[in-house]
Amino acid sequence: MADYLEEYARRFKLPVRFGTRVDALDRKNDRFTISAGGNRFEADQVVIATGPYQAGRVPVWAAHLDKAIVQIHSEECKNTLQLRAGAVLAVGAGNTGAELALAAAAAGHRVFLSGRDVGQVPFFFHYANGRLFWFLATRVITAGTAIGRRIRESVRAGHGGPLVRIRRNEIAAAGIERVARVVGSKDGKPLSKTAGCSTSPASCGAAASA
């Protein structure tokens, strides 16, 4: 998707500005006016795409885990060198959690992936090129379609969207063990709906939020 947008901007010679804070958006007749600091822009159309997750969230129970357990939020995770030797618990089985779990498994860690199965996008969607992806995202998976509304309600309920870049079989092939959602802590260890973390505190390596 990022490659498609980059190519789109390059082909049509569109100006791209990073790090620009928009202060206000107004509409007069059929034109929009955007105020950004001392700059003003006019446009026929405006796309507001902020994303649903603006700030990282750390559950309350994380503060009660054994201090020997290294906790790393996904916002702070740069590479697997930050992890200690031993097992890794990835908390949150959405796209971010699954990607971090795969990276940890590839680095040789025993990995537990905590959370419900969020599903995955259809096979053809996974291999769609940029233009087809754009068509599906703007014409098929929208608030105006049944599938779009289901996905929207799932995201609003805090369940996250389905896996996009990763397939279930990749998670299984990597030897990642699926466990129930972590709901708290007990004796300094993560506690799932059915049981606590099956590894010792010293080896239950990282908490990664999806």
N, C-alpha and C. Protein backbone atom coordinates (compact mmCIF):
# COMPACT_ATOMS: atom_id res chain seq x y z
N MET A 1 0.83 -1.19 0.00
CA MET A 1 0.00 0.00 0.00
C MET A 1 0.87 1.26 0.00
N ALA A 2 1.93 1.23 0.82
CA ALA A 2 2.84 2.38 0.89
C ALA A 2 3.53 2.59 -0.45
N ASP A 3 3.94 1.49 -1.09
CA ASP A 3 4.59 1.59 -2.40
C ASP A 3 3.65 2.20 -3.43
N TYR A 4 2.37 1.79 -3.36
CA TYR A 4 1.38 2.32 -4.31
C TYR A 4 1.20 3.82 -4.14
N LEU A 5 1.07 4.28 -2.89
CA LEU A 5 0.88 5.71 -2.63
C LEU A 5 2.11 6.51 -3.06
N GLU A 6 3.28 5.95 -2.82
CA GLU A 6 4.52 6.63 -3.21
C GLU A 6 4.59 6.76 -4.73
N GLU A 7 4.25 5.70 -5.44
CA GLU A 7 4.27 5.73 -6.89
C GLU A 7 3.20 6.68 -7.43
N TYR A 8 2.05 6.71 -6.79
CA TYR A 8 0.96 7.60 -7.20
C TYR A 8 1.40 9.05 -7.11
N ALA A 9 2.02 9.41 -5.99
CA ALA A 9 2.49 10.79 -5.80
C ALA A 9 3.58 11.15 -6.82
N ARG A 10 4.45 10.18 -7.11
CA ARG A 10 5.53 10.43 -8.06
C ARG A 10 4.98 10.60 -9.48
N ARG A 11 4.05 9.74 -9.87
CA ARG A 11 3.54 9.76 -11.24
C ARG A 11 2.79 11.04 -11.54
N PHE A 12 1.99 11.51 -10.58
CA PHE A 12 1.19 12.70 -10.80
C PHE A 12 1.83 13.97 -10.24
N LYS A 13 3.09 13.83 -9.80
CA LYS A 13 3.87 14.97 -9.32
C LYS A 13 3.13 15.73 -8.23
N LEU A 14 2.64 15.00 -7.25
CA LEU A 14 1.89 15.60 -6.15
C LEU A 14 2.85 16.03 -5.04
N PRO A 15 2.66 17.22 -4.51
CA PRO A 15 3.51 17.65 -3.39
C PRO A 15 3.15 16.91 -2.12
N VAL A 16 4.15 16.39 -1.44
CA VAL A 16 3.94 15.66 -0.19
C VAL A 16 4.69 16.38 0.92
N ARG A 17 4.00 16.66 2.01
CA ARG A 17 4.62 17.33 3.15
C ARG A 17 4.49 16.46 4.39
N PHE A 18 5.62 16.17 5.02
CA PHE A 18 5.62 15.38 6.25
C PHE A 18 5.68 16.31 7.46
N GLY A 19 5.27 15.82 8.60
CA GLY A 19 5.37 16.58 9.84
C GLY A 19 4.57 17.87 9.83
N THR A 20 3.45 17.87 9.12
CA THR A 20 2.62 19.08 9.03
C THR A 20 1.35 18.90 9.86
N ARG A 21 1.15 19.74 10.82
CA ARG A 21 -0.04 19.65 11.69
C ARG A 21 -1.17 20.47 11.10
N VAL A 22 -2.31 19.84 10.91
CA VAL A 22 -3.49 20.53 10.40
C VAL A 22 -4.27 21.09 11.59
N ASP A 23 -4.51 22.39 11.59
CA ASP A 23 -5.20 23.05 12.70
C ASP A 23 -6.71 23.14 12.47
N ALA A 24 -7.12 23.29 11.21
CA ALA A 24 -8.56 23.45 10.95
C ALA A 24 -8.87 23.06 9.51
N LEU A 25 -10.09 22.59 9.32
CA LEU A 25 -10.59 22.25 7.99
C LEU A 25 -11.97 22.89 7.83
N ASP A 26 -12.11 23.74 6.84
CA ASP A 26 -13.37 24.44 6.58
C ASP A 26 -13.83 24.18 5.15
N ARG A 27 -15.13 24.34 4.95
CA ARG A 27 -15.68 24.16 3.61
C ARG A 27 -16.55 25.35 3.25
N LYS A 28 -16.31 25.87 2.07
CA LYS A 28 -17.11 26.98 1.56
C LYS A 28 -17.52 26.64 0.15
N ASN A 29 -18.82 26.53 -0.06
CA ASN A 29 -19.35 26.08 -1.35
C ASN A 29 -18.79 24.69 -1.65
N ASP A 30 -18.07 24.55 -2.76
CA ASP A 30 -17.55 23.23 -3.13
C ASP A 30 -16.05 23.11 -2.90
N ARG A 31 -15.46 24.00 -2.13
CA ARG A 31 -14.02 23.98 -1.90
C ARG A 31 -13.71 23.84 -0.41
N PHE A 32 -12.64 23.08 -0.14
CA PHE A 32 -12.16 22.93 1.23
C PHE A 32 -10.96 23.83 1.45
N THR A 33 -10.85 24.36 2.65
CA THR A 33 -9.69 25.16 3.04
C THR A 33 -9.05 24.52 4.26
N ILE A 34 -7.76 24.23 4.15
CA ILE A 34 -7.03 23.61 5.24
C ILE A 34 -6.06 24.63 5.82
N SER A 35 -6.12 24.82 7.13
CA SER A 35 -5.19 25.70 7.83
C SER A 35 -4.15 24.85 8.54
N ALA A 36 -2.89 25.09 8.25
CA ALA A 36 -1.80 24.34 8.86
C ALA A 36 -0.70 25.32 9.26
N GLY A 37 -0.76 25.78 10.51
CA GLY A 37 0.20 26.80 10.94
C GLY A 37 -0.05 28.07 10.16
N GLY A 38 1.00 28.59 9.53
CA GLY A 38 0.85 29.80 8.73
C GLY A 38 0.50 29.51 7.29
N ASN A 39 0.27 28.25 6.95
CA ASN A 39 -0.06 27.86 5.57
C ASN A 39 -1.55 27.58 5.42
N ARG A 40 -2.05 27.88 4.22
CA ARG A 40 -3.44 27.57 3.88
C ARG A 40 -3.45 26.85 2.54
N PHE A 41 -4.24 25.79 2.47
CA PHE A 41 -4.36 25.01 1.25
C PHE A 41 -5.83 24.94 0.85
N GLU A 42 -6.08 24.90 -0.45
CA GLU A 42 -7.44 24.72 -0.96
C GLU A 42 -7.49 23.45 -1.79
N ALA A 43 -8.62 22.75 -1.68
CA ALA A 43 -8.75 21.49 -2.42
C ALA A 43 -10.20 21.20 -2.70
N ASP A 44 -10.44 20.44 -3.78
CA ASP A 44 -11.79 20.00 -4.10
C ASP A 44 -12.21 18.83 -3.22
N GLN A 45 -11.23 17.99 -2.83
CA GLN A 45 -11.51 16.83 -2.01
C GLN A 45 -10.46 16.70 -0.92
N VAL A 46 -10.86 16.16 0.23
CA VAL A 46 -9.95 15.95 1.35
C VAL A 46 -10.17 14.54 1.90
N VAL A 47 -9.10 13.82 2.12
CA VAL A 47 -9.17 12.49 2.72
C VAL A 47 -8.58 12.59 4.13
N ILE A 48 -9.37 12.23 5.12
CA ILE A 48 -8.90 12.22 6.50
C ILE A 48 -8.62 10.78 6.89
N ALA A 49 -7.34 10.44 7.07
CA ALA A 49 -6.95 9.05 7.34
C ALA A 49 -6.00 9.02 8.53
N THR A 50 -6.56 9.11 9.73
CA THR A 50 -5.73 9.18 10.92
C THR A 50 -5.34 7.81 11.46
N GLY A 51 -6.11 6.78 11.12
CA GLY A 51 -5.86 5.47 11.71
C GLY A 51 -6.56 5.36 13.06
N PRO A 52 -6.92 4.13 13.48
CA PRO A 52 -7.71 3.96 14.70
C PRO A 52 -6.90 3.94 15.99
N TYR A 53 -5.58 3.76 15.91
CA TYR A 53 -4.80 3.62 17.13
C TYR A 53 -3.76 4.73 17.22
N GLN A 54 -4.09 5.80 17.94
CA GLN A 54 -3.23 6.97 18.03
C GLN A 54 -2.27 6.92 19.20
N ALA A 55 -2.60 6.18 20.23
CA ALA A 55 -1.74 6.13 21.42
C ALA A 55 -1.65 4.70 21.93
N GLY A 56 -0.46 4.33 22.32
CA GLY A 56 -0.26 2.98 22.83
C GLY A 56 -0.99 2.78 24.16
N ARG A 57 -1.44 1.57 24.40
CA ARG A 57 -2.15 1.26 25.65
C ARG A 57 -1.48 0.08 26.34
N VAL A 58 -1.12 0.28 27.58
CA VAL A 58 -0.52 -0.79 28.39
C VAL A 58 -1.52 -1.20 29.45
N PRO A 59 -1.91 -2.46 29.52
CA PRO A 59 -2.91 -2.89 30.51
C PRO A 59 -2.41 -2.71 31.94
N VAL A 60 -3.34 -2.53 32.84
CA VAL A 60 -3.00 -2.27 34.24
C VAL A 60 -2.20 -3.42 34.84
N TRP A 61 -2.55 -4.66 34.46
CA TRP A 61 -1.89 -5.81 35.07
C TRP A 61 -0.39 -5.89 34.74
N ALA A 62 0.04 -5.18 33.69
CA ALA A 62 1.45 -5.23 33.31
C ALA A 62 2.36 -4.71 34.41
N ALA A 63 1.85 -3.79 35.22
CA ALA A 63 2.66 -3.21 36.30
C ALA A 63 2.90 -4.21 37.43
N HIS A 64 2.14 -5.30 37.45
CA HIS A 64 2.26 -6.28 38.52
C HIS A 64 3.08 -7.50 38.12
N LEU A 65 3.67 -7.48 36.93
CA LEU A 65 4.49 -8.60 36.50
C LEU A 65 5.84 -8.57 37.19
N ASP A 66 6.44 -9.73 37.31
CA ASP A 66 7.77 -9.84 37.90
C ASP A 66 8.75 -8.92 37.17
N LYS A 67 9.58 -8.22 37.93
CA LYS A 67 10.52 -7.28 37.34
C LYS A 67 11.54 -7.97 36.44
N ALA A 68 11.69 -9.29 36.59
CA ALA A 68 12.63 -10.02 35.74
C ALA A 68 12.10 -10.17 34.32
N ILE A 69 10.81 -9.94 34.14
CA ILE A 69 10.21 -10.05 32.81
C ILE A 69 10.42 -8.73 32.06
N VAL A 70 11.05 -8.81 30.92
CA VAL A 70 11.26 -7.63 30.08
C VAL A 70 9.98 -7.32 29.33
N GLN A 71 9.44 -6.13 29.51
CA GLN A 71 8.23 -5.73 28.81
C GLN A 71 8.57 -4.67 27.78
N ILE A 72 8.16 -4.92 26.55
CA ILE A 72 8.42 -3.96 25.47
C ILE A 72 7.12 -3.74 24.71
N HIS A 73 6.64 -2.50 24.70
CA HIS A 73 5.45 -2.18 23.91
C HIS A 73 5.85 -2.15 22.44
N SER A 74 4.88 -2.41 21.57
CA SER A 74 5.18 -2.44 20.13
C SER A 74 5.73 -1.11 19.63
N GLU A 75 5.34 0.00 20.28
CA GLU A 75 5.85 1.31 19.88
C GLU A 75 7.36 1.41 20.12
N GLU A 76 7.85 0.67 21.10
CA GLU A 76 9.26 0.75 21.48
C GLU A 76 10.10 -0.36 20.87
N CYS A 77 9.44 -1.33 20.25
CA CYS A 77 10.15 -2.50 19.72
C CYS A 77 10.85 -2.15 18.41
N LYS A 78 12.17 -2.25 18.40
CA LYS A 78 12.97 -1.94 17.21
C LYS A 78 13.46 -3.20 16.51
N ASN A 79 13.98 -4.14 17.30
CA ASN A 79 14.46 -5.40 16.73
C ASN A 79 14.53 -6.44 17.85
N THR A 80 14.82 -7.67 17.47
CA THR A 80 14.80 -8.77 18.43
C THR A 80 16.00 -8.76 19.37
N LEU A 81 16.98 -7.90 19.12
CA LEU A 81 18.13 -7.80 20.01
C LEU A 81 17.72 -7.23 21.37
N GLN A 82 16.54 -6.61 21.44
CA GLN A 82 16.06 -6.06 22.71
C GLN A 82 15.55 -7.15 23.64
N LEU A 83 15.33 -8.35 23.11
CA LEU A 83 14.77 -9.44 23.90
C LEU A 83 15.89 -10.20 24.61
N ARG A 84 15.56 -10.70 25.80
CA ARG A 84 16.48 -11.58 26.51
C ARG A 84 16.36 -13.00 25.95
N ALA A 85 17.32 -13.83 26.30
CA ALA A 85 17.24 -15.23 25.91
C ALA A 85 16.04 -15.86 26.61
N GLY A 86 15.37 -16.78 25.93
CA GLY A 86 14.24 -17.45 26.53
C GLY A 86 12.97 -17.25 25.72
N ALA A 87 11.85 -17.59 26.34
CA ALA A 87 10.57 -17.54 25.66
C ALA A 87 10.04 -16.11 25.58
N VAL A 88 9.20 -15.88 24.60
CA VAL A 88 8.60 -14.56 24.38
C VAL A 88 7.08 -14.71 24.32
N LEU A 89 6.40 -13.84 25.03
CA LEU A 89 4.93 -13.80 24.98
C LEU A 89 4.51 -12.54 24.25
N ALA A 90 3.88 -12.70 23.10
CA ALA A 90 3.36 -11.57 22.34
C ALA A 90 1.89 -11.41 22.71
N VAL A 91 1.54 -10.30 23.34
CA VAL A 91 0.17 -10.07 23.81
C VAL A 91 -0.59 -9.28 22.75
N GLY A 92 -1.59 -9.91 22.17
CA GLY A 92 -2.36 -9.30 21.09
C GLY A 92 -2.07 -10.03 19.80
N ALA A 93 -3.09 -10.68 19.24
CA ALA A 93 -2.88 -11.54 18.08
C ALA A 93 -3.31 -10.89 16.77
N GLY A 94 -3.36 -9.54 16.73
CA GLY A 94 -3.66 -8.85 15.49
C GLY A 94 -2.42 -8.77 14.61
N ASN A 95 -2.43 -7.87 13.65
CA ASN A 95 -1.32 -7.78 12.69
C ASN A 95 0.02 -7.48 13.36
N THR A 96 0.04 -6.50 14.27
CA THR A 96 1.30 -6.14 14.92
C THR A 96 1.82 -7.28 15.79
N GLY A 97 0.94 -7.83 16.62
CA GLY A 97 1.37 -8.92 17.48
C GLY A 97 1.87 -10.13 16.71
N ALA A 98 1.18 -10.45 15.61
CA ALA A 98 1.59 -11.60 14.80
C ALA A 98 2.94 -11.35 14.14
N GLU A 99 3.17 -10.13 13.65
CA GLU A 99 4.44 -9.80 13.02
C GLU A 99 5.59 -9.88 14.02
N LEU A 100 5.37 -9.34 15.23
CA LEU A 100 6.40 -9.40 16.26
C LEU A 100 6.67 -10.84 16.69
N ALA A 101 5.62 -11.65 16.76
CA ALA A 101 5.78 -13.05 17.13
C ALA A 101 6.62 -13.79 16.08
N LEU A 102 6.35 -13.53 14.81
CA LEU A 102 7.13 -14.17 13.74
C LEU A 102 8.59 -13.75 13.79
N ALA A 103 8.83 -12.47 14.06
CA ALA A 103 10.21 -11.98 14.13
C ALA A 103 10.96 -12.65 15.28
N ALA A 104 10.29 -12.78 16.43
CA ALA A 104 10.92 -13.42 17.59
C ALA A 104 11.19 -14.90 17.32
N ALA A 105 10.25 -15.56 16.66
CA ALA A 105 10.44 -16.97 16.33
C ALA A 105 11.61 -17.15 15.36
N ALA A 106 11.72 -16.25 14.39
CA ALA A 106 12.82 -16.32 13.42
C ALA A 106 14.17 -16.11 14.10
N ALA A 107 14.16 -15.39 15.23
CA ALA A 107 15.40 -15.12 15.96
C ALA A 107 15.75 -16.27 16.92
N GLY A 108 14.93 -17.31 16.91
CA GLY A 108 15.25 -18.50 17.70
C GLY A 108 14.55 -18.60 19.04
N HIS A 109 13.60 -17.72 19.34
CA HIS A 109 12.89 -17.77 20.61
C HIS A 109 11.70 -18.72 20.54
N ARG A 110 11.37 -19.31 21.66
CA ARG A 110 10.10 -20.01 21.77
C ARG A 110 9.05 -18.93 21.97
N VAL A 111 7.99 -18.94 21.19
CA VAL A 111 7.04 -17.81 21.18
C VAL A 111 5.63 -18.28 21.48
N PHE A 112 4.97 -17.54 22.37
CA PHE A 112 3.56 -17.72 22.66
C PHE A 112 2.82 -16.49 22.13
N LEU A 113 1.75 -16.71 21.40
CA LEU A 113 0.94 -15.61 20.86
C LEU A 113 -0.40 -15.62 21.57
N SER A 114 -0.65 -14.57 22.34
CA SER A 114 -1.86 -14.49 23.17
C SER A 114 -2.94 -13.67 22.50
N GLY A 115 -4.16 -14.20 22.48
CA GLY A 115 -5.29 -13.46 21.92
C GLY A 115 -6.15 -14.33 21.03
N ARG A 116 -7.32 -13.82 20.75
CA ARG A 116 -8.24 -14.59 19.91
C ARG A 116 -7.78 -14.59 18.46
N ASP A 117 -8.24 -15.55 17.70
CA ASP A 117 -7.96 -15.60 16.27
C ASP A 117 -8.79 -14.52 15.60
N VAL A 118 -8.12 -13.51 15.02
CA VAL A 118 -8.84 -12.38 14.42
C VAL A 118 -9.24 -12.66 12.97
N GLY A 119 -8.89 -13.83 12.47
CA GLY A 119 -9.21 -14.15 11.09
C GLY A 119 -8.16 -13.58 10.13
N GLN A 120 -8.39 -13.75 8.86
CA GLN A 120 -7.47 -13.24 7.86
C GLN A 120 -8.24 -12.84 6.62
N VAL A 121 -7.67 -11.90 5.86
CA VAL A 121 -8.35 -11.47 4.64
C VAL A 121 -8.31 -12.61 3.64
N PRO A 122 -9.24 -12.63 2.67
CA PRO A 122 -9.27 -13.71 1.68
C PRO A 122 -7.95 -13.83 0.92
N PHE A 123 -7.71 -15.03 0.40
CA PHE A 123 -6.46 -15.33 -0.30
C PHE A 123 -6.18 -14.35 -1.44
N PHE A 124 -7.19 -14.05 -2.26
CA PHE A 124 -6.97 -13.16 -3.41
C PHE A 124 -6.64 -11.75 -2.96
N PHE A 125 -7.21 -11.34 -1.82
CA PHE A 125 -6.97 -9.99 -1.31
C PHE A 125 -5.52 -9.86 -0.84
N HIS A 126 -5.00 -10.94 -0.25
CA HIS A 126 -3.63 -10.94 0.27
C HIS A 126 -2.63 -10.72 -0.86
N TYR A 127 -2.90 -11.25 -2.03
CA TYR A 127 -1.96 -11.15 -3.15
C TYR A 127 -2.36 -10.08 -4.16
N ALA A 128 -3.34 -9.26 -3.81
CA ALA A 128 -3.77 -8.21 -4.73
C ALA A 128 -2.69 -7.16 -4.93
N ASN A 129 -2.61 -6.62 -6.13
CA ASN A 129 -1.65 -5.54 -6.34
C ASN A 129 -2.21 -4.24 -5.76
N GLY A 130 -1.42 -3.18 -5.81
CA GLY A 130 -1.80 -1.92 -5.18
C GLY A 130 -3.13 -1.38 -5.66
N ARG A 131 -3.39 -1.41 -6.97
CA ARG A 131 -4.62 -0.83 -7.51
C ARG A 131 -5.84 -1.63 -7.07
N LEU A 132 -5.73 -2.96 -7.07
CA LEU A 132 -6.85 -3.77 -6.62
C LEU A 132 -7.09 -3.57 -5.12
N PHE A 133 -5.99 -3.47 -4.36
CA PHE A 133 -6.10 -3.20 -2.93
C PHE A 133 -6.85 -1.89 -2.70
N TRP A 134 -6.47 -0.87 -3.48
CA TRP A 134 -7.11 0.45 -3.35
C TRP A 134 -8.60 0.36 -3.68
N PHE A 135 -8.94 -0.39 -4.73
CA PHE A 135 -10.34 -0.54 -5.13
C PHE A 135 -11.13 -1.23 -4.03
N LEU A 136 -10.58 -2.32 -3.49
CA LEU A 136 -11.28 -3.05 -2.45
C LEU A 136 -11.45 -2.20 -1.20
N ALA A 137 -10.41 -1.46 -0.83
CA ALA A 137 -10.45 -0.66 0.39
C ALA A 137 -11.39 0.53 0.29
N THR A 138 -11.62 1.03 -0.93
CA THR A 138 -12.45 2.23 -1.09
C THR A 138 -13.82 1.93 -1.68
N ARG A 139 -14.02 0.73 -2.20
CA ARG A 139 -15.30 0.41 -2.84
C ARG A 139 -15.99 -0.80 -2.23
N VAL A 140 -15.21 -1.74 -1.69
CA VAL A 140 -15.81 -2.98 -1.19
C VAL A 140 -15.90 -2.98 0.33
N ILE A 141 -14.77 -2.69 1.00
CA ILE A 141 -14.75 -2.72 2.47
C ILE A 141 -15.00 -1.30 2.97
N THR A 142 -16.24 -0.87 2.90
CA THR A 142 -16.63 0.47 3.33
C THR A 142 -17.86 0.37 4.23
N ALA A 143 -18.26 1.50 4.81
CA ALA A 143 -19.45 1.52 5.66
C ALA A 143 -20.72 1.26 4.86
N GLY A 144 -20.61 1.32 3.52
CA GLY A 144 -21.77 1.09 2.68
C GLY A 144 -21.99 -0.36 2.29
N THR A 145 -21.10 -1.26 2.75
CA THR A 145 -21.25 -2.68 2.44
C THR A 145 -21.35 -3.49 3.73
N ALA A 146 -21.95 -4.67 3.62
CA ALA A 146 -22.13 -5.51 4.81
C ALA A 146 -20.79 -5.92 5.41
N ILE A 147 -19.85 -6.35 4.56
CA ILE A 147 -18.55 -6.79 5.07
C ILE A 147 -17.80 -5.62 5.70
N GLY A 148 -17.90 -4.45 5.10
CA GLY A 148 -17.25 -3.26 5.64
C GLY A 148 -17.80 -2.89 7.01
N ARG A 149 -19.12 -2.99 7.16
CA ARG A 149 -19.74 -2.65 8.45
C ARG A 149 -19.35 -3.65 9.53
N ARG A 150 -19.24 -4.92 9.16
CA ARG A 150 -18.82 -5.93 10.14
C ARG A 150 -17.40 -5.67 10.63
N ILE A 151 -16.51 -5.35 9.69
CA ILE A 151 -15.13 -5.07 10.07
C ILE A 151 -15.06 -3.81 10.93
N ARG A 152 -15.84 -2.79 10.57
CA ARG A 152 -15.84 -1.54 11.34
C ARG A 152 -16.29 -1.78 12.77
N GLU A 153 -17.37 -2.54 12.95
CA GLU A 153 -17.87 -2.80 14.29
C GLU A 153 -16.88 -3.62 15.10
N SER A 154 -16.18 -4.53 14.43
CA SER A 154 -15.18 -5.35 15.12
C SER A 154 -14.04 -4.48 15.61
N VAL A 155 -13.59 -3.54 14.78
CA VAL A 155 -12.50 -2.64 15.17
C VAL A 155 -12.94 -1.72 16.30
N ARG A 156 -14.18 -1.18 16.18
CA ARG A 156 -14.69 -0.27 17.22
C ARG A 156 -14.83 -0.98 18.56
N ALA A 157 -15.11 -2.27 18.52
CA ALA A 157 -15.27 -3.02 19.75
C ALA A 157 -13.93 -3.39 20.37
N GLY A 158 -12.84 -2.98 19.72
CA GLY A 158 -11.51 -3.25 20.25
C GLY A 158 -10.97 -4.60 19.86
N HIS A 159 -11.61 -5.25 18.89
CA HIS A 159 -11.17 -6.58 18.49
C HIS A 159 -10.10 -6.54 17.41
N GLY A 160 -9.88 -5.38 16.79
CA GLY A 160 -8.88 -5.29 15.73
C GLY A 160 -9.38 -5.87 14.43
N GLY A 161 -8.65 -5.59 13.37
CA GLY A 161 -9.02 -6.11 12.06
C GLY A 161 -8.37 -7.45 11.79
N PRO A 162 -8.72 -8.10 10.69
CA PRO A 162 -8.15 -9.41 10.35
C PRO A 162 -6.69 -9.28 9.91
N LEU A 163 -5.98 -10.40 9.93
CA LEU A 163 -4.61 -10.43 9.46
C LEU A 163 -4.58 -10.10 7.97
N VAL A 164 -3.67 -9.22 7.57
CA VAL A 164 -3.59 -8.79 6.19
C VAL A 164 -2.36 -9.37 5.49
N ARG A 165 -1.19 -9.15 6.07
CA ARG A 165 0.06 -9.57 5.43
C ARG A 165 0.49 -10.97 5.84
N ILE A 166 -0.09 -11.47 6.92
CA ILE A 166 0.32 -12.75 7.49
C ILE A 166 -0.82 -13.75 7.39
N ARG A 167 -0.47 -15.02 7.14
CA ARG A 167 -1.47 -16.08 7.08
C ARG A 167 -1.37 -16.95 8.33
N ARG A 168 -2.46 -17.57 8.69
CA ARG A 168 -2.48 -18.45 9.86
C ARG A 168 -1.43 -19.56 9.73
N ASN A 169 -1.29 -20.09 8.52
CA ASN A 169 -0.34 -21.20 8.35
C ASN A 169 1.10 -20.76 8.56
N GLU A 170 1.40 -19.48 8.33
CA GLU A 170 2.75 -18.98 8.60
C GLU A 170 3.03 -19.00 10.10
N ILE A 171 2.02 -18.62 10.89
CA ILE A 171 2.17 -18.62 12.35
C ILE A 171 2.41 -20.04 12.85
N ALA A 172 1.63 -20.98 12.33
CA ALA A 172 1.78 -22.37 12.75
C ALA A 172 3.12 -22.94 12.30
N ALA A 173 3.53 -22.63 11.06
CA ALA A 173 4.78 -23.16 10.52
C ALA A 173 5.99 -22.65 11.29
N ALA A 174 5.86 -21.48 11.89
CA ALA A 174 6.97 -20.90 12.65
C ALA A 174 7.09 -21.52 14.04
N GLY A 175 6.16 -22.41 14.38
CA GLY A 175 6.20 -23.06 15.69
C GLY A 175 5.66 -22.20 16.81
N ILE A 176 4.94 -21.15 16.47
CA ILE A 176 4.38 -20.25 17.48
C ILE A 176 3.17 -20.92 18.14
N GLU A 177 3.13 -20.89 19.46
CA GLU A 177 2.06 -21.54 20.21
C GLU A 177 0.97 -20.52 20.55
N ARG A 178 -0.26 -20.81 20.15
CA ARG A 178 -1.39 -19.93 20.43
C ARG A 178 -1.89 -20.19 21.85
N VAL A 179 -2.10 -19.11 22.60
CA VAL A 179 -2.65 -19.23 23.96
C VAL A 179 -3.80 -18.24 24.10
N ALA A 180 -4.60 -18.43 25.12
CA ALA A 180 -5.77 -17.58 25.33
C ALA A 180 -5.34 -16.15 25.67
N ARG A 181 -6.30 -15.23 25.60
CA ARG A 181 -6.04 -13.82 25.88
C ARG A 181 -5.59 -13.63 27.32
N VAL A 182 -4.56 -12.82 27.51
CA VAL A 182 -4.08 -12.52 28.85
C VAL A 182 -5.05 -11.53 29.51
N VAL A 183 -5.51 -11.87 30.72
CA VAL A 183 -6.52 -11.05 31.39
C VAL A 183 -6.01 -10.45 32.70
N GLY A 184 -4.80 -10.82 33.11
CA GLY A 184 -4.28 -10.29 34.36
C GLY A 184 -2.95 -10.91 34.70
N SER A 185 -2.60 -10.88 35.96
CA SER A 185 -1.34 -11.46 36.41
C SER A 185 -1.58 -12.23 37.71
N LYS A 186 -0.71 -13.20 37.97
CA LYS A 186 -0.78 -13.97 39.20
C LYS A 186 0.63 -14.38 39.58
N ASP A 187 1.01 -14.05 40.79
CA ASP A 187 2.35 -14.35 41.28
C ASP A 187 3.43 -13.80 40.35
N GLY A 188 3.14 -12.64 39.76
CA GLY A 188 4.13 -12.00 38.91
C GLY A 188 4.19 -12.51 37.50
N LYS A 189 3.30 -13.43 37.15
CA LYS A 189 3.30 -14.00 35.80
C LYS A 189 2.02 -13.60 35.06
N PRO A 190 2.08 -13.52 33.72
CA PRO A 190 0.86 -13.25 32.94
C PRO A 190 -0.16 -14.36 33.15
N LEU A 191 -1.43 -13.99 33.27
CA LEU A 191 -2.49 -14.96 33.49
C LEU A 191 -3.48 -14.90 32.34
N SER A 192 -3.65 -16.02 31.65
CA SER A 192 -4.61 -16.07 30.55
C SER A 192 -5.97 -16.52 31.08
N LYS A 193 -6.95 -16.61 30.19
CA LYS A 193 -8.28 -17.02 30.60
C LYS A 193 -8.29 -18.43 31.17
N THR A 194 -7.34 -19.25 30.72
CA THR A 194 -7.34 -20.65 31.14
C THR A 194 -6.19 -21.00 32.07
N ALA A 195 -5.03 -20.31 31.87
CA ALA A 195 -3.86 -20.65 32.69
C ALA A 195 -2.84 -19.54 32.59
N GLY A 196 -1.89 -19.54 33.51
CA GLY A 196 -0.81 -18.55 33.48
C GLY A 196 0.20 -18.91 32.43
N CYS A 197 1.19 -18.03 32.25
CA CYS A 197 2.26 -18.27 31.30
C CYS A 197 2.99 -19.53 31.71
N SER A 198 3.23 -20.45 30.81
CA SER A 198 3.80 -21.74 31.14
C SER A 198 5.32 -21.69 31.28
N THR A 199 5.90 -20.51 31.10
CA THR A 199 7.34 -20.40 31.26
C THR A 199 7.66 -19.64 32.54
N SER A 200 8.90 -19.70 32.97
CA SER A 200 9.30 -18.99 34.19
C SER A 200 9.36 -17.51 33.94
N PRO A 201 9.24 -16.67 35.00
CA PRO A 201 9.26 -15.22 34.82
C PRO A 201 10.50 -14.72 34.09
N ALA A 202 11.65 -15.37 34.35
CA ALA A 202 12.89 -14.90 33.76
C ALA A 202 12.93 -15.13 32.25
N SER A 203 12.14 -16.11 31.78
CA SER A 203 12.22 -16.43 30.36
C SER A 203 11.01 -15.98 29.57
N CYS A 204 9.98 -15.48 30.27
CA CYS A 204 8.79 -14.98 29.55
C CYS A 204 9.10 -13.56 29.13
N GLY A 205 9.64 -13.41 27.91
CA GLY A 205 10.43 -12.24 27.55
C GLY A 205 9.80 -10.93 27.26
N ALA A 206 8.72 -10.82 26.49
CA ALA A 206 8.29 -9.49 26.06
C ALA A 206 6.78 -9.43 25.91
N ALA A 207 6.23 -8.29 26.22
CA ALA A 207 4.81 -8.06 25.98
C ALA A 207 4.67 -7.13 24.80
N ALA A 208 4.02 -7.56 23.75
CA ALA A 208 3.87 -6.73 22.55
C ALA A 208 2.41 -6.54 22.25
N SER A 209 1.95 -5.32 22.33
CA SER A 209 0.54 -5.03 22.11
C SER A 209 0.21 -4.96 20.65
N ALA A 210 -0.90 -5.56 20.23
CA ALA A 210 -1.39 -5.44 18.87
C ALA A 210 -2.36 -4.29 18.82
